PDB file of N, CA and C in Angstrom:
ATOM      1  N   MET A   1      11.406 -27.316  44.104  1.00  0.00           N
ATOM      2  CA  MET A   1      12.394 -27.028  43.099  1.00  0.00           C
ATOM      3  C   MET A   1      13.528 -25.839  44.198  1.00  0.00           C
ATOM      4  N   GLY A   2      14.891 -25.768  43.471  1.00  0.00           N
ATOM      5  CA  GLY A   2      15.499 -25.122  43.859  1.00  0.00           C
ATOM      6  C   GLY A   2      16.611 -25.292  43.574  1.00  0.00           C
ATOM      7  N   GLY A   3      17.872 -24.379  43.690  1.00  0.00           N
ATOM      8  CA  GLY A   3      19.068 -24.600  43.293  1.00  0.00           C
ATOM      9  C   GLY A   3      19.885 -23.735  43.513  1.00  0.00           C
ATOM     10  N   PHE A   4      21.453 -23.985  43.109  1.00  0.00           N
ATOM     11  CA  PHE A   4      21.980 -22.886  43.211  1.00  0.00           C
ATOM     12  C   PHE A   4      23.173 -22.611  41.588  1.00  0.00           C
ATOM     13  N   ALA A   5      23.149 -21.538  41.188  1.00  0.00           N
ATOM     14  CA  ALA A   5      23.957 -21.276  40.267  1.00  0.00           C
ATOM     15  C   ALA A   5      25.187 -20.534  40.379  1.00  0.00           C
ATOM     16  N   ARG A   6      25.916 -21.008  40.015  1.00  0.00           N
ATOM     17  CA  ARG A   6      27.509 -19.971  40.111  1.00  0.00           C
ATOM     18  C   ARG A   6      28.332 -19.479  38.852  1.00  0.00           C
ATOM     19  N   ILE A   7      28.090 -18.231  38.537  1.00  0.00           N
ATOM     20  CA  ILE A   7      28.900 -17.507  37.550  1.00  0.00           C
ATOM     21  C   ILE A   7      29.981 -16.843  37.525  1.00  0.00           C
ATOM     22  N   GLY A   8      31.202 -17.268  36.676  1.00  0.00           N
ATOM     23  CA  GLY A   8      32.408 -16.209  36.785  1.00  0.00           C
ATOM     24  C   GLY A   8      33.561 -17.090  35.876  1.00  0.00           C
ATOM     25  N   ASP A   9      34.379 -16.637  34.482  1.00  0.00           N
ATOM     26  CA  ASP A   9      35.208 -17.153  33.968  1.00  0.00           C
ATOM     27  C   ASP A   9      34.722 -17.571  33.005  1.00  0.00           C
ATOM     28  N   ASN A  10      33.655 -16.690  32.141  1.00  0.00           N
ATOM     29  CA  ASN A  10      32.826 -17.102  31.614  1.00  0.00           C
ATOM     30  C   ASN A  10      31.726 -18.172  31.453  1.00  0.00           C
ATOM     31  N   GLU A  11      31.879 -18.782  32.515  1.00  0.00           N
ATOM     32  CA  GLU A  11      31.252 -19.938  32.509  1.00  0.00           C
ATOM     33  C   GLU A  11      29.953 -19.987  33.536  1.00  0.00           C
ATOM     34  N   ILE A  12      29.063 -20.565  33.148  1.00  0.00           N
ATOM     35  CA  ILE A  12      27.488 -20.923  34.190  1.00  0.00           C
ATOM     36  C   ILE A  12      27.682 -22.492  34.671  1.00  0.00           C
ATOM     37  N   THR A  13      27.938 -22.440  36.200  1.00  0.00           N
ATOM     38  CA  THR A  13      27.243 -23.941  36.706  1.00  0.00           C
ATOM     39  C   THR A  13      26.199 -23.941  37.517  1.00  0.00           C
ATOM     40  N   ILE A  14      25.456 -25.345  36.941  1.00  0.00           N
ATOM     41  CA  ILE A  14      23.969 -24.756  37.872  1.00  0.00           C
ATOM     42  C   ILE A  14      23.677 -26.071  38.409  1.00  0.00           C
ATOM     43  N   LEU A  15      23.249 -26.159  39.841  1.00  0.00           N
ATOM     44  CA  LEU A  15      23.167 -27.341  40.280  1.00  0.00           C
ATOM     45  C   LEU A  15      21.613 -27.617  40.624  1.00  0.00           C
ATOM     46  N   GLY A  16      20.960 -28.613  40.441  1.00  0.00           N
ATOM     47  CA  GLY A  16      19.779 -28.185  40.622  1.00  0.00           C
ATOM     48  C   GLY A  16      18.957 -29.483  41.189  1.00  0.00           C
ATOM     49  N   ASN A  17      17.740 -29.080  41.318  1.00  0.00           N
ATOM     50  CA  ASN A  17      17.599 -30.268  42.149  1.00  0.00           C
ATOM     51  C   ASN A  17      17.039 -31.141  41.512  1.00  0.00           C
ATOM     52  N   ASP A  18      15.981 -30.626  40.481  1.00  0.00           N
ATOM     53  CA  ASP A  18      15.832 -31.483  39.249  1.00  0.00           C
ATOM     54  C   ASP A  18      15.199 -31.089  37.907  1.00  0.00           C
ATOM     55  N   ALA A  19      15.323 -31.106  36.435  1.00  0.00           N
ATOM     56  CA  ALA A  19      15.489 -30.741  35.312  1.00  0.00           C
ATOM     57  C   ALA A  19      14.755 -31.126  34.412  1.00  0.00           C
ATOM     58  N   GLU A  20      14.308 -30.870  33.289  1.00  0.00           N
ATOM     59  CA  GLU A  20      13.406 -31.234  32.193  1.00  0.00           C
ATOM     60  C   GLU A  20      14.617 -31.214  30.777  1.00  0.00           C
ATOM     61  N   ILE A  21      14.058 -32.245  29.990  1.00  0.00           N
ATOM     62  CA  ILE A  21      14.998 -32.043  28.915  1.00  0.00           C
ATOM     63  C   ILE A  21      14.039 -31.096  28.238  1.00  0.00           C
ATOM     64  N   SER A  22      14.559 -29.830  27.240  1.00  0.00           N
ATOM     65  CA  SER A  22      13.689 -28.923  26.248  1.00  0.00           C
ATOM     66  C   SER A  22      12.775 -29.796  25.570  1.00  0.00           C
ATOM     67  N   THR A  23      12.922 -30.856  24.811  1.00  0.00           N
ATOM     68  CA  THR A  23      12.146 -31.559  23.899  1.00  0.00           C
ATOM     69  C   THR A  23      11.316 -32.176  24.706  1.00  0.00           C
ATOM     70  N   ASP A  24      11.557 -32.270  25.660  1.00  0.00           N
ATOM     71  CA  ASP A  24       9.749 -33.240  26.879  1.00  0.00           C
ATOM     72  C   ASP A  24       9.122 -31.416  27.103  1.00  0.00           C
ATOM     73  N   ILE A  25       8.855 -30.484  26.956  1.00  0.00           N
ATOM     74  CA  ILE A  25       8.388 -29.678  27.359  1.00  0.00           C
ATOM     75  C   ILE A  25       7.547 -29.212  26.378  1.00  0.00           C
ATOM     76  N   ASP A  26       6.289 -29.375  26.825  1.00  0.00           N
ATOM     77  CA  ASP A  26       4.916 -28.876  25.686  1.00  0.00           C
ATOM     78  C   ASP A  26       5.118 -27.467  25.749  1.00  0.00           C
ATOM     79  N   PRO A  27       4.851 -26.631  24.936  1.00  0.00           N
ATOM     80  CA  PRO A  27       5.330 -25.191  24.961  1.00  0.00           C
ATOM     81  C   PRO A  27       3.909 -24.579  25.013  1.00  0.00           C
ATOM     82  N   GLN A  28       2.611 -25.468  24.704  1.00  0.00           N
ATOM     83  CA  GLN A  28       1.527 -25.023  25.131  1.00  0.00           C
ATOM     84  C   GLN A  28       0.536 -25.302  26.701  1.00  0.00           C
ATOM     85  N   GLU A  29       1.185 -26.621  27.038  1.00  0.00           N
ATOM     86  CA  GLU A  29       0.906 -26.812  28.765  1.00  0.00           C
ATOM     87  C   GLU A  29       1.630 -25.990  29.432  1.00  0.00           C
ATOM     88  N   ALA A  30       3.085 -25.710  28.912  1.00  0.00           N
ATOM     89  CA  ALA A  30       4.064 -25.030  30.074  1.00  0.00           C
ATOM     90  C   ALA A  30       3.245 -23.099  29.873  1.00  0.00           C
ATOM     91  N   GLN A  31       3.028 -22.809  28.851  1.00  0.00           N
ATOM     92  CA  GLN A  31       2.160 -21.444  28.837  1.00  0.00           C
ATOM     93  C   GLN A  31       1.210 -21.550  29.593  1.00  0.00           C
ATOM     94  N   GLN A  32       0.394 -22.953  29.548  1.00  0.00           N
ATOM     95  CA  GLN A  32      -1.080 -22.659  30.475  1.00  0.00           C
ATOM     96  C   GLN A  32      -0.854 -22.136  31.804  1.00  0.00           C
ATOM     97  N   ALA A  33       0.177 -23.618  31.862  1.00  0.00           N
ATOM     98  CA  ALA A  33       0.868 -23.271  33.650  1.00  0.00           C
ATOM     99  C   ALA A  33       0.880 -22.174  34.030  1.00  0.00           C
ATOM    100  N   LEU A  34       1.554 -21.286  33.068  1.00  0.00           N
ATOM    101  CA  LEU A  34       2.611 -19.766  33.493  1.00  0.00           C
ATOM    102  C   LEU A  34       1.075 -18.883  33.410  1.00  0.00           C
ATOM    103  N   GLU A  35       0.314 -18.936  32.450  1.00  0.00           N
ATOM    104  CA  GLU A  35      -0.962 -17.871  32.732  1.00  0.00           C
ATOM    105  C   GLU A  35      -1.881 -18.229  34.243  1.00  0.00           C
ATOM    106  N   ILE A  36      -2.012 -19.697  34.738  1.00  0.00           N
ATOM    107  CA  ILE A  36      -2.680 -19.982  35.805  1.00  0.00           C
ATOM    108  C   ILE A  36      -2.127 -19.560  37.143  1.00  0.00           C
ATOM    109  N   ALA A  37      -0.373 -19.603  36.620  1.00  0.00           N
ATOM    110  CA  ALA A  37       0.250 -19.054  38.374  1.00  0.00           C
ATOM    111  C   ALA A  37       0.338 -17.457  38.041  1.00  0.00           C
ATOM    112  N   GLU A  38       0.181 -17.047  37.343  1.00  0.00           N
ATOM    113  CA  GLU A  38       0.406 -15.623  36.714  1.00  0.00           C
ATOM    114  C   GLU A  38      -1.177 -15.066  37.259  1.00  0.00           C
ATOM    115  N   ALA A  39      -2.320 -16.041  37.158  1.00  0.00           N
ATOM    116  CA  ALA A  39      -3.322 -15.167  37.627  1.00  0.00           C
ATOM    117  C   ALA A  39      -3.381 -15.730  39.117  1.00  0.00           C
ATOM    118  N   ASP A  40      -2.922 -16.221  39.601  1.00  0.00           N
ATOM    119  CA  ASP A  40      -3.255 -16.880  40.932  1.00  0.00           C
ATOM    120  C   ASP A  40      -2.857 -15.811  41.943  1.00  0.00           C
ATOM    121  N   LEU A  41      -1.489 -15.418  41.122  1.00  0.00           N
ATOM    122  CA  LEU A  41      -0.520 -14.216  41.851  1.00  0.00           C
ATOM    123  C   LEU A  41      -1.344 -12.954  42.220  1.00  0.00           C
ATOM    124  N   SER A  42      -1.794 -12.535  40.674  1.00  0.00           N
ATOM    125  CA  SER A  42      -2.688 -11.369  40.808  1.00  0.00           C
ATOM    126  C   SER A  42      -4.102 -11.835  41.575  1.00  0.00           C
ATOM    127  N   ARG A  43      -4.387 -12.959  41.917  1.00  0.00           N
ATOM    128  CA  ARG A  43      -5.543 -12.976  42.981  1.00  0.00           C
ATOM    129  C   ARG A  43      -4.988 -13.044  44.450  1.00  0.00           C
ATOM    130  N   ALA A  44      -4.427 -12.977  44.715  1.00  0.00           N
ATOM    131  CA  ALA A  44      -3.856 -13.256  46.438  1.00  0.00           C
ATOM    132  C   ALA A  44      -4.319 -12.803  47.018  1.00  0.00           C
ATOM    133  N   GLU A  45      -4.631 -13.104  48.199  1.00  0.00           N
ATOM    134  CA  GLU A  45      -4.949 -11.975  48.983  1.00  0.00           C
ATOM    135  C   GLU A  45      -4.336 -12.296  50.284  1.00  0.00           C
ATOM    136  N   GLY A  46      -3.458 -11.442  50.969  1.00  0.00           N
ATOM    137  CA  GLY A  46      -3.265 -11.948  52.192  1.00  0.00           C
ATOM    138  C   GLY A  46      -1.748 -12.131  51.816  1.00  0.00           C
ATOM    139  N   LYS A  47      -0.621 -11.763  52.703  1.00  0.00           N
ATOM    140  CA  LYS A  47       0.898 -12.205  52.512  1.00  0.00           C
ATOM    141  C   LYS A  47       1.012 -13.714  52.220  1.00  0.00           C
ATOM    142  N   ARG A  48       0.422 -14.540  52.898  1.00  0.00           N
ATOM    143  CA  ARG A  48       0.779 -15.940  53.316  1.00  0.00           C
ATOM    144  C   ARG A  48       0.116 -16.338  51.512  1.00  0.00           C
ATOM    145  N   GLN A  49      -0.443 -16.162  51.039  1.00  0.00           N
ATOM    146  CA  GLN A  49      -0.891 -16.376  49.369  1.00  0.00           C
ATOM    147  C   GLN A  49      -0.160 -15.347  48.683  1.00  0.00           C
ATOM    148  N   ALA A  50       0.747 -15.020  48.696  1.00  0.00           N
ATOM    149  CA  ALA A  50       1.217 -14.211  47.805  1.00  0.00           C
ATOM    150  C   ALA A  50       2.367 -14.732  47.809  1.00  0.00           C
ATOM    151  N   ILE A  51       2.932 -15.500  48.659  1.00  0.00           N
ATOM    152  CA  ILE A  51       3.996 -15.981  48.715  1.00  0.00           C
ATOM    153  C   ILE A  51       4.122 -17.198  48.036  1.00  0.00           C
ATOM    154  N   GLU A  52       2.962 -17.762  48.159  1.00  0.00           N
ATOM    155  CA  GLU A  52       2.840 -19.524  47.886  1.00  0.00           C
ATOM    156  C   GLU A  52       2.298 -18.979  46.106  1.00  0.00           C
ATOM    157  N   ALA A  53       1.535 -18.079  45.721  1.00  0.00           N
ATOM    158  CA  ALA A  53       1.535 -18.299  44.388  1.00  0.00           C
ATOM    159  C   ALA A  53       2.990 -17.919  43.248  1.00  0.00           C
ATOM    160  N   ASN A  54       4.103 -16.205  44.474  1.00  0.00           N
ATOM    161  CA  ASN A  54       5.081 -16.411  43.967  1.00  0.00           C
ATOM    162  C   ASN A  54       5.838 -17.597  43.972  1.00  0.00           C
ATOM    163  N   LEU A  55       5.996 -18.308  44.503  1.00  0.00           N
ATOM    164  CA  LEU A  55       6.496 -19.732  44.434  1.00  0.00           C
ATOM    165  C   LEU A  55       6.094 -20.646  43.642  1.00  0.00           C
ATOM    166  N   ALA A  56       4.763 -20.196  43.257  1.00  0.00           N
ATOM    167  CA  ALA A  56       4.472 -21.603  42.120  1.00  0.00           C
ATOM    168  C   ALA A  56       4.703 -21.046  40.726  1.00  0.00           C
ATOM    169  N   LEU A  57       4.414 -19.820  40.828  1.00  0.00           N
ATOM    170  CA  LEU A  57       5.314 -19.115  39.199  1.00  0.00           C
ATOM    171  C   LEU A  57       6.848 -19.228  39.349  1.00  0.00           C
ATOM    172  N   ARG A  58       7.738 -18.824  40.026  1.00  0.00           N
ATOM    173  CA  ARG A  58       9.076 -19.258  39.859  1.00  0.00           C
ATOM    174  C   ARG A  58       8.871 -20.341  39.350  1.00  0.00           C
ATOM    175  N   HIS A  59       7.963 -22.144  39.746  1.00  0.00           N
ATOM    176  CA  HIS A  59       8.311 -23.314  39.007  1.00  0.00           C
ATOM    177  C   HIS A  59       7.607 -23.436  38.221  1.00  0.00           C
ATOM    178  N   GLU A  60       6.901 -22.766  37.452  1.00  0.00           N
ATOM    179  CA  GLU A  60       6.426 -22.708  35.615  1.00  0.00           C
ATOM    180  C   GLU A  60       7.464 -22.256  35.029  1.00  0.00           C
TER     181      GLU A  60
END
């Protein structure tokens, strides 16, 4: 996942690799994925694991 955002003139333009329609997102599933990603980040040992966990957290 990645992308760019431009903010200016009271307008936001977003260019992303993928997107989901908000009505397609299951709030319970999203919350569970967030909690797993946060737990992985808190257990990360070393810089590499911390970076990988941080990237996973941002994706969730």
